[in-house]
Amino acid sequence: MKLTPNIIMKQKVCQKFNLIWIKNG
């Protein structure tokens, strides 16, 4: 399995959303 740029971008976006969730929570 090789990571495509899209997957990496999605992971970064998910991390950002998680941080926002934690701050709002």
N, C-alpha and C. Protein backbone atom coordinates (compact mmCIF):
# COMPACT_ATOMS: atom_id res chain seq x y z
N MET A 1 0.84 -1.21 0.00
CA MET A 1 0.00 0.00 0.00
C MET A 1 0.87 1.25 0.00
N LYS A 2 0.64 2.13 -0.95
CA LYS A 2 1.39 3.39 -0.98
C LYS A 2 0.43 4.55 -0.70
N LEU A 3 0.89 5.49 0.09
CA LEU A 3 0.05 6.63 0.43
C LEU A 3 0.03 7.64 -0.71
N THR A 4 -1.16 7.99 -1.14
CA THR A 4 -1.29 9.00 -2.19
C THR A 4 -1.43 10.36 -1.54
N PRO A 5 -1.05 11.42 -2.23
CA PRO A 5 -1.16 12.78 -1.66
C PRO A 5 -2.57 13.05 -1.14
N ASN A 6 -3.59 12.52 -1.82
CA ASN A 6 -4.97 12.77 -1.38
C ASN A 6 -5.19 12.22 0.02
N ILE A 7 -4.69 11.00 0.26
CA ILE A 7 -4.87 10.40 1.59
C ILE A 7 -4.16 11.23 2.65
N ILE A 8 -2.96 11.69 2.32
CA ILE A 8 -2.19 12.49 3.28
C ILE A 8 -2.95 13.79 3.58
N MET A 9 -3.48 14.42 2.53
CA MET A 9 -4.23 15.66 2.72
C MET A 9 -5.44 15.40 3.61
N LYS A 10 -6.15 14.30 3.34
CA LYS A 10 -7.34 13.98 4.13
C LYS A 10 -6.96 13.79 5.59
N GLN A 11 -5.83 13.11 5.84
CA GLN A 11 -5.40 12.89 7.22
C GLN A 11 -5.13 14.22 7.91
N LYS A 12 -4.48 15.15 7.18
CA LYS A 12 -4.19 16.46 7.78
C LYS A 12 -5.48 17.20 8.08
N VAL A 13 -6.44 17.12 7.16
CA VAL A 13 -7.73 17.79 7.37
C VAL A 13 -8.43 17.19 8.58
N CYS A 14 -8.37 15.86 8.69
CA CYS A 14 -9.00 15.18 9.84
C CYS A 14 -8.37 15.67 11.14
N GLN A 15 -7.05 15.81 11.14
CA GLN A 15 -6.37 16.28 12.35
C GLN A 15 -6.85 17.68 12.71
N LYS A 16 -7.01 18.54 11.71
CA LYS A 16 -7.46 19.91 11.98
C LYS A 16 -8.86 19.88 12.58
N PHE A 17 -9.74 19.04 11.99
CA PHE A 17 -11.10 18.96 12.51
C PHE A 17 -11.10 18.45 13.94
N ASN A 18 -10.25 17.48 14.24
CA ASN A 18 -10.17 16.94 15.60
C ASN A 18 -9.75 18.04 16.57
N LEU A 19 -8.78 18.87 16.18
CA LEU A 19 -8.33 19.95 17.07
C LEU A 19 -9.46 20.92 17.32
N ILE A 20 -10.22 21.25 16.25
CA ILE A 20 -11.34 22.18 16.40
C ILE A 20 -12.38 21.58 17.34
N TRP A 21 -12.64 20.27 17.15
CA TRP A 21 -13.63 19.58 18.00
C TRP A 21 -13.22 19.68 19.46
N ILE A 22 -11.94 19.41 19.73
CA ILE A 22 -11.45 19.44 21.12
C ILE A 22 -11.61 20.84 21.70
N LYS A 23 -11.27 21.86 20.91
CA LYS A 23 -11.36 23.24 21.41
C LYS A 23 -12.82 23.59 21.69
N ASN A 24 -13.72 23.24 20.77
CA ASN A 24 -15.13 23.57 20.94
C ASN A 24 -15.75 22.74 22.05
N GLY A 25 -15.26 21.50 22.21
CA GLY A 25 -15.82 20.61 23.23
C GLY A 25 -15.43 21.10 24.61
